[in-house]
């Protein structure tokens, strides 16, 4: 049984009240939830508090969660809401009552990349800079799709936007990267993204058609 199926099985047992399975779910999802959370708020203690509250809540409400068929999406959605609520509360404490679009995704750093031998230090810095030229929403979509293996449908649920908007954000992000990076380096970037895609089990055919072939031609 692969890790995703094992976690889903543990989730089903946890919903049935099994404490050992709850611990498995907690340990299995904590890393990816923290990595995502720290992109929404760079204060690690706040992220940890939100994750703790999230798991406390789902344990108390476990009997109501039998209808959840995608625990990964449910946990990401729930954590995102908790963190954005904290972000909003902090802003209001400072007297900032302005409305936002709910997009607060922070910048990429070198630690976010799978670093391959072909990419030198200056190229990593160039890639980091290029990725951080994307909008908050584009960065978040790229992160969810490539780094967490989320499908467009799952991202649609997490961000509460329609699927075409998800596609548009990905397409716009890749177009921006192509405009900022030279052709040879863009091939390496696509190779990195495809490596992430394979590791996380996402589909890559959209990118093969839209980005790899144009870079080669």
C-alpha atoms as a PDB file:
ATOM      1  CA  UNK A   1       0.000   0.000   0.000  1.00  0.00           C
ATOM      2  CA  UNK A   2       1.476   3.375  -0.995  1.00  0.00           C
ATOM      3  CA  UNK A   3       1.719   6.243   1.482  1.00  0.00           C
ATOM      4  CA  UNK A   4      -1.313   8.131   0.141  1.00  0.00           C
ATOM      5  CA  UNK A   5      -3.544   5.064   0.355  1.00  0.00           C
ATOM      6  CA  UNK A   6      -2.136   4.222   3.783  1.00  0.00           C
ATOM      7  CA  UNK A   7      -2.940   7.716   5.051  1.00  0.00           C
ATOM      8  CA  UNK A   8      -6.435   7.567   3.621  1.00  0.00           C
ATOM      9  CA  UNK A   9      -6.949   4.189   5.303  1.00  0.00           C
ATOM     10  CA  UNK A  10      -5.648   5.645   8.581  1.00  0.00           C
ATOM     11  CA  UNK A  11      -8.057   8.566   8.170  1.00  0.00           C
ATOM     12  CA  UNK A  12     -10.999   6.187   7.794  1.00  0.00           C
ATOM     13  CA  UNK A  13      -9.957   4.332  10.952  1.00  0.00           C
ATOM     14  CA  UNK A  14      -9.434   7.608  12.826  1.00  0.00           C
ATOM     15  CA  UNK A  15     -12.939   8.761  11.891  1.00  0.00           C
ATOM     16  CA  UNK A  16     -14.100   5.508  13.450  1.00  0.00           C
ATOM     17  CA  UNK A  17     -12.412   6.530  16.711  1.00  0.00           C
ATOM     18  CA  UNK A  18      -9.064   4.727  16.519  1.00  0.00           C
ATOM     19  CA  UNK A  19      -6.487   6.802  18.423  1.00  0.00           C
ATOM     20  CA  UNK A  20      -3.457   5.071  16.893  1.00  0.00           C
ATOM     21  CA  UNK A  21      -4.747   5.940  13.427  1.00  0.00           C
ATOM     22  CA  UNK A  22      -5.255   9.539  14.529  1.00  0.00           C
ATOM     23  CA  UNK A  23      -1.573   9.682  15.460  1.00  0.00           C
ATOM     24  CA  UNK A  24      -0.690   8.215  12.056  1.00  0.00           C
ATOM     25  CA  UNK A  25      -2.770  10.893  10.334  1.00  0.00           C
ATOM     26  CA  UNK A  26      -1.149  13.618  12.423  1.00  0.00           C
ATOM     27  CA  UNK A  27       2.393  12.471  11.699  1.00  0.00           C
ATOM     28  CA  UNK A  28       1.643  11.728   8.061  1.00  0.00           C
ATOM     29  CA  UNK A  29       0.246  15.157   7.232  1.00  0.00           C
ATOM     30  CA  UNK A  30       2.119  17.404   9.647  1.00  0.00           C
ATOM     31  CA  UNK A  31       5.154  18.020   7.432  1.00  0.00           C
ATOM     32  CA  UNK A  32       3.248  19.066   4.322  1.00  0.00           C
ATOM     33  CA  UNK A  33       0.794  21.142   6.364  1.00  0.00           C
ATOM     34  CA  UNK A  34       3.596  22.997   8.133  1.00  0.00           C
ATOM     35  CA  UNK A  35       5.459  23.620   4.866  1.00  0.00           C
ATOM     36  CA  UNK A  36       2.283  25.061   3.333  1.00  0.00           C
ATOM     37  CA  UNK A  37       1.353  27.002   6.445  1.00  0.00           C
ATOM     38  CA  UNK A  38       4.715  28.721   6.694  1.00  0.00           C
ATOM     39  CA  UNK A  39       4.122  30.033   3.172  1.00  0.00           C
ATOM     40  CA  UNK A  40       0.910  31.673   4.364  1.00  0.00           C
ATOM     41  CA  UNK A  41       2.403  33.070   7.568  1.00  0.00           C
ATOM     42  CA  UNK A  42       6.146  33.029   8.212  1.00  0.00           C
ATOM     43  CA  UNK A  43       5.740  32.938  11.994  1.00  0.00           C
ATOM     44  CA  UNK A  44       6.322  29.280  12.788  1.00  0.00           C
ATOM     45  CA  UNK A  45       4.666  29.388  16.215  1.00  0.00           C
ATOM     46  CA  UNK A  46       1.431  30.676  14.697  1.00  0.00           C
ATOM     47  CA  UNK A  47       1.516  27.923  12.077  1.00  0.00           C
ATOM     48  CA  UNK A  48       2.158  25.274  14.734  1.00  0.00           C
ATOM     49  CA  UNK A  49      -0.699  26.640  16.858  1.00  0.00           C
ATOM     50  CA  UNK A  50      -3.062  26.529  13.884  1.00  0.00           C
ATOM     51  CA  UNK A  51      -2.081  22.946  13.059  1.00  0.00           C
ATOM     52  CA  UNK A  52      -2.555  21.957  16.705  1.00  0.00           C
ATOM     53  CA  UNK A  53      -5.995  23.593  16.764  1.00  0.00           C
ATOM     54  CA  UNK A  54      -6.887  21.916  13.483  1.00  0.00           C
ATOM     55  CA  UNK A  55      -6.113  18.412  14.737  1.00  0.00           C
ATOM     56  CA  UNK A  56      -7.778  19.107  18.075  1.00  0.00           C
ATOM     57  CA  UNK A  57     -10.907  20.157  16.183  1.00  0.00           C
ATOM     58  CA  UNK A  58     -10.990  17.177  13.851  1.00  0.00           C
ATOM     59  CA  UNK A  59     -10.558  14.750  16.752  1.00  0.00           C
ATOM     60  CA  UNK A  60     -13.471  16.339  18.581  1.00  0.00           C
ATOM     61  CA  UNK A  61     -15.579  16.376  15.390  1.00  0.00           C
ATOM     62  CA  UNK A  62     -14.413  13.033  13.967  1.00  0.00           C
ATOM     63  CA  UNK A  63     -17.926  11.558  13.849  1.00  0.00           C
ATOM     64  CA  UNK A  64     -18.952  14.388  11.513  1.00  0.00           C
ATOM     65  CA  UNK A  65     -16.135  13.681   9.054  1.00  0.00           C
ATOM     66  CA  UNK A  66     -17.336  10.425   7.529  1.00  0.00           C
ATOM     67  CA  UNK A  67     -18.275  12.274   4.323  1.00  0.00           C
ATOM     68  CA  UNK A  68     -14.698  13.519   3.781  1.00  0.00           C
ATOM     69  CA  UNK A  69     -13.258  11.509   0.892  1.00  0.00           C
ATOM     70  CA  UNK A  70     -10.140  13.625   0.342  1.00  0.00           C
ATOM     71  CA  UNK A  71      -8.568  14.258   3.757  1.00  0.00           C
ATOM     72  CA  UNK A  72      -5.544  15.941   2.181  1.00  0.00           C
ATOM     73  CA  UNK A  73      -7.712  18.645   0.606  1.00  0.00           C
ATOM     74  CA  UNK A  74      -9.867  18.966   3.730  1.00  0.00           C
ATOM     75  CA  UNK A  75      -6.818  19.535   5.940  1.00  0.00           C
ATOM     76  CA  UNK A  76      -5.232  22.066   3.572  1.00  0.00           C
ATOM     77  CA  UNK A  77      -8.505  23.990   3.254  1.00  0.00           C
ATOM     78  CA  UNK A  78      -9.017  23.997   7.025  1.00  0.00           C
ATOM     79  CA  UNK A  79      -5.462  25.080   7.802  1.00  0.00           C
ATOM     80  CA  UNK A  80      -5.587  27.821   5.183  1.00  0.00           C
ATOM     81  CA  UNK A  81      -8.775  29.229   6.717  1.00  0.00           C
ATOM     82  CA  UNK A  82      -7.317  29.172  10.219  1.00  0.00           C
ATOM     83  CA  UNK A  83      -4.115  30.915   9.192  1.00  0.00           C
ATOM     84  CA  UNK A  84      -5.876  33.554   7.084  1.00  0.00           C
ATOM     85  CA  UNK A  85      -8.192  34.220  10.021  1.00  0.00           C
ATOM     86  CA  UNK A  86      -5.138  34.792  12.231  1.00  0.00           C
ATOM     87  CA  UNK A  87      -3.541  37.016   9.579  1.00  0.00           C
ATOM     88  CA  UNK A  88      -6.708  39.105   9.369  1.00  0.00           C
ATOM     89  CA  UNK A  89      -6.944  39.378  13.166  1.00  0.00           C
ATOM     90  CA  UNK A  90      -3.328  40.540  13.377  1.00  0.00           C
ATOM     91  CA  UNK A  91      -3.904  43.166  10.686  1.00  0.00           C
ATOM     92  CA  UNK A  92      -6.966  44.477  12.487  1.00  0.00           C
ATOM     93  CA  UNK A  93      -4.976  44.748  15.718  1.00  0.00           C
ATOM     94  CA  UNK A  94      -2.672  47.090  13.830  1.00  0.00           C
ATOM     95  CA  UNK A  95      -5.672  49.089  12.634  1.00  0.00           C
ATOM     96  CA  UNK A  96      -5.540  47.686   9.096  1.00  0.00           C
ATOM     97  CA  UNK A  97      -9.110  46.875   8.041  1.00  0.00           C
ATOM     98  CA  UNK A  98      -8.454  46.752   4.297  1.00  0.00           C
ATOM     99  CA  UNK A  99      -9.943  43.897   2.298  1.00  0.00           C
ATOM    100  CA  UNK A 100      -7.675  41.438   0.472  1.00  0.00           C
ATOM    101  CA  UNK A 101      -8.327  38.702  -2.067  1.00  0.00           C
ATOM    102  CA  UNK A 102      -7.226  36.089   0.462  1.00  0.00           C
ATOM    103  CA  UNK A 103      -3.902  35.614  -1.292  1.00  0.00           C
ATOM    104  CA  UNK A 104      -0.998  36.026   1.137  1.00  0.00           C
ATOM    105  CA  UNK A 105       1.440  33.440  -0.184  1.00  0.00           C
ATOM    106  CA  UNK A 106       5.029  34.340   0.672  1.00  0.00           C
ATOM    107  CA  UNK A 107       8.055  34.179  -1.591  1.00  0.00           C
ATOM    108  CA  UNK A 108       9.917  31.073  -2.672  1.00  0.00           C
ATOM    109  CA  UNK A 109      13.388  30.459  -1.271  1.00  0.00           C
ATOM    110  CA  UNK A 110      16.275  28.245  -2.370  1.00  0.00           C
ATOM    111  CA  UNK A 111      15.119  25.583   0.090  1.00  0.00           C
ATOM    112  CA  UNK A 112      11.941  25.116  -1.959  1.00  0.00           C
ATOM    113  CA  UNK A 113      13.801  23.795  -4.981  1.00  0.00           C
ATOM    114  CA  UNK A 114      15.043  20.365  -5.885  1.00  0.00           C
ATOM    115  CA  UNK A 115      18.608  21.383  -6.627  1.00  0.00           C
ATOM    116  CA  UNK A 116      20.212  19.465  -9.468  1.00  0.00           C
ATOM    117  CA  UNK A 117      23.891  19.493 -10.419  1.00  0.00           C
ATOM    118  CA  UNK A 118      23.195  21.297 -13.708  1.00  0.00           C
ATOM    119  CA  UNK A 119      21.916  24.398 -11.914  1.00  0.00           C
ATOM    120  CA  UNK A 120      24.647  26.600 -10.535  1.00  0.00           C
ATOM    121  CA  UNK A 121      24.295  28.952  -7.583  1.00  0.00           C
ATOM    122  CA  UNK A 122      23.693  32.012  -9.753  1.00  0.00           C
ATOM    123  CA  UNK A 123      21.039  30.119 -11.704  1.00  0.00           C
ATOM    124  CA  UNK A 124      19.291  29.136  -8.473  1.00  0.00           C
ATOM    125  CA  UNK A 125      19.240  32.785  -7.490  1.00  0.00           C
ATOM    126  CA  UNK A 126      17.902  33.678 -10.933  1.00  0.00           C
ATOM    127  CA  UNK A 127      15.152  31.061 -10.608  1.00  0.00           C
ATOM    128  CA  UNK A 128      14.277  32.225  -7.101  1.00  0.00           C
ATOM    129  CA  UNK A 129      14.032  35.802  -8.352  1.00  0.00           C
ATOM    130  CA  UNK A 130      11.897  34.788 -11.350  1.00  0.00           C
ATOM    131  CA  UNK A 131       9.459  32.749  -9.250  1.00  0.00           C
ATOM    132  CA  UNK A 132       9.082  35.644  -6.869  1.00  0.00           C
ATOM    133  CA  UNK A 133       7.999  37.902  -9.732  1.00  0.00           C
ATOM    134  CA  UNK A 134       4.800  35.851  -9.903  1.00  0.00           C
ATOM    135  CA  UNK A 135       1.674  37.031  -8.126  1.00  0.00           C
ATOM    136  CA  UNK A 136       0.836  35.598  -4.710  1.00  0.00           C
ATOM    137  CA  UNK A 137      -1.911  33.497  -6.254  1.00  0.00           C
ATOM    138  CA  UNK A 138       0.329  32.169  -9.028  1.00  0.00           C
ATOM    139  CA  UNK A 139       2.999  31.176  -6.504  1.00  0.00           C
ATOM    140  CA  UNK A 140       0.434  29.410  -4.351  1.00  0.00           C
ATOM    141  CA  UNK A 141      -1.026  27.489  -7.294  1.00  0.00           C
ATOM    142  CA  UNK A 142       2.459  26.471  -8.478  1.00  0.00           C
ATOM    143  CA  UNK A 143       3.334  25.343  -4.951  1.00  0.00           C
ATOM    144  CA  UNK A 144       0.178  23.293  -4.482  1.00  0.00           C
ATOM    145  CA  UNK A 145       0.358  21.666  -7.912  1.00  0.00           C
ATOM    146  CA  UNK A 146       4.050  20.853  -8.179  1.00  0.00           C
ATOM    147  CA  UNK A 147       5.244  20.653  -4.592  1.00  0.00           C
ATOM    148  CA  UNK A 148       2.197  18.894  -3.153  1.00  0.00           C
ATOM    149  CA  UNK A 149       0.908  17.007  -6.185  1.00  0.00           C
ATOM    150  CA  UNK A 150      -2.524  18.628  -6.036  1.00  0.00           C
ATOM    151  CA  UNK A 151      -4.776  18.267  -9.054  1.00  0.00           C
ATOM    152  CA  UNK A 152      -6.496  21.298 -10.550  1.00  0.00           C
ATOM    153  CA  UNK A 153      -9.738  20.084  -8.980  1.00  0.00           C
ATOM    154  CA  UNK A 154      -8.150  19.896  -5.538  1.00  0.00           C
ATOM    155  CA  UNK A 155      -6.592  23.346  -5.883  1.00  0.00           C
ATOM    156  CA  UNK A 156      -9.991  24.651  -6.954  1.00  0.00           C
ATOM    157  CA  UNK A 157     -11.409  23.485  -3.613  1.00  0.00           C
ATOM    158  CA  UNK A 158      -8.520  24.751  -1.509  1.00  0.00           C
ATOM    159  CA  UNK A 159      -8.479  28.250  -2.992  1.00  0.00           C
ATOM    160  CA  UNK A 160     -12.231  28.522  -3.665  1.00  0.00           C
ATOM    161  CA  UNK A 161     -11.683  29.456  -7.308  1.00  0.00           C
ATOM    162  CA  UNK A 162     -12.921  27.696 -10.432  1.00  0.00           C
ATOM    163  CA  UNK A 163     -10.814  25.199 -12.342  1.00  0.00           C
ATOM    164  CA  UNK A 164     -10.305  27.460 -15.336  1.00  0.00           C
ATOM    165  CA  UNK A 165      -8.848  30.088 -13.009  1.00  0.00           C
ATOM    166  CA  UNK A 166      -6.398  27.486 -11.707  1.00  0.00           C
ATOM    167  CA  UNK A 167      -5.348  26.674 -15.278  1.00  0.00           C
ATOM    168  CA  UNK A 168      -5.026  30.365 -16.089  1.00  0.00           C
ATOM    169  CA  UNK A 169      -2.802  30.977 -13.064  1.00  0.00           C
ATOM    170  CA  UNK A 170      -0.510  28.085 -13.984  1.00  0.00           C
ATOM    171  CA  UNK A 171      -0.365  29.145 -17.626  1.00  0.00           C
ATOM    172  CA  UNK A 172       0.306  32.773 -16.685  1.00  0.00           C
ATOM    173  CA  UNK A 173       3.032  31.735 -14.243  1.00  0.00           C
ATOM    174  CA  UNK A 174       4.818  29.624 -16.826  1.00  0.00           C
ATOM    175  CA  UNK A 175       4.534  32.358 -19.436  1.00  0.00           C
ATOM    176  CA  UNK A 176       6.094  34.829 -17.003  1.00  0.00           C
ATOM    177  CA  UNK A 177       8.943  32.438 -16.255  1.00  0.00           C
ATOM    178  CA  UNK A 178       9.561  31.944 -19.963  1.00  0.00           C
ATOM    179  CA  UNK A 179       9.787  35.710 -20.425  1.00  0.00           C
ATOM    180  CA  UNK A 180      12.299  36.078 -17.587  1.00  0.00           C
ATOM    181  CA  UNK A 181      14.550  33.072 -18.218  1.00  0.00           C
ATOM    182  CA  UNK A 182      16.601  32.180 -21.271  1.00  0.00           C
ATOM    183  CA  UNK A 183      15.566  29.160 -23.348  1.00  0.00           C
ATOM    184  CA  UNK A 184      18.255  26.787 -22.067  1.00  0.00           C
ATOM    185  CA  UNK A 185      17.587  27.613 -18.421  1.00  0.00           C
ATOM    186  CA  UNK A 186      13.833  27.364 -18.951  1.00  0.00           C
ATOM    187  CA  UNK A 187      14.329  23.763 -20.107  1.00  0.00           C
ATOM    188  CA  UNK A 188      16.081  23.037 -16.806  1.00  0.00           C
ATOM    189  CA  UNK A 189      13.261  24.703 -14.872  1.00  0.00           C
ATOM    190  CA  UNK A 190      10.676  22.588 -16.678  1.00  0.00           C
ATOM    191  CA  UNK A 191      12.779  19.523 -15.934  1.00  0.00           C
ATOM    192  CA  UNK A 192      12.741  20.427 -12.230  1.00  0.00           C
ATOM    193  CA  UNK A 193       8.992  20.943 -12.263  1.00  0.00           C
ATOM    194  CA  UNK A 194       8.450  17.644 -14.043  1.00  0.00           C
ATOM    195  CA  UNK A 195      10.621  15.921 -11.447  1.00  0.00           C
ATOM    196  CA  UNK A 196       8.342  17.329  -8.761  1.00  0.00           C
ATOM    197  CA  UNK A 197       5.343  16.281 -10.836  1.00  0.00           C
ATOM    198  CA  UNK A 198       6.515  12.673 -11.041  1.00  0.00           C
ATOM    199  CA  UNK A 199       7.375  12.587  -7.331  1.00  0.00           C
ATOM    200  CA  UNK A 200       3.931  13.859  -6.399  1.00  0.00           C
ATOM    201  CA  UNK A 201       1.923  11.916  -8.960  1.00  0.00           C
ATOM    202  CA  UNK A 202       0.457  14.842 -10.906  1.00  0.00           C
ATOM    203  CA  UNK A 203      -0.314  14.931 -14.607  1.00  0.00           C
ATOM    204  CA  UNK A 204       2.302  16.620 -16.769  1.00  0.00           C
ATOM    205  CA  UNK A 205       0.788  16.440 -20.250  1.00  0.00           C
ATOM    206  CA  UNK A 206      -0.534  20.010 -20.108  1.00  0.00           C
ATOM    207  CA  UNK A 207       3.007  21.254 -19.580  1.00  0.00           C
ATOM    208  CA  UNK A 208       4.459  18.953 -22.216  1.00  0.00           C
ATOM    209  CA  UNK A 209       2.176  20.500 -24.803  1.00  0.00           C
ATOM    210  CA  UNK A 210       2.292  24.116 -23.653  1.00  0.00           C
ATOM    211  CA  UNK A 211       5.820  24.610 -22.399  1.00  0.00           C
ATOM    212  CA  UNK A 212       8.321  21.864 -23.179  1.00  0.00           C
ATOM    213  CA  UNK A 213       7.662  21.647 -26.911  1.00  0.00           C
ATOM    214  CA  UNK A 214       7.699  25.447 -27.399  1.00  0.00           C
ATOM    215  CA  UNK A 215      11.026  25.630 -25.570  1.00  0.00           C
ATOM    216  CA  UNK A 216      12.520  22.919 -27.763  1.00  0.00           C
ATOM    217  CA  UNK A 217      11.214  24.312 -31.045  1.00  0.00           C
END
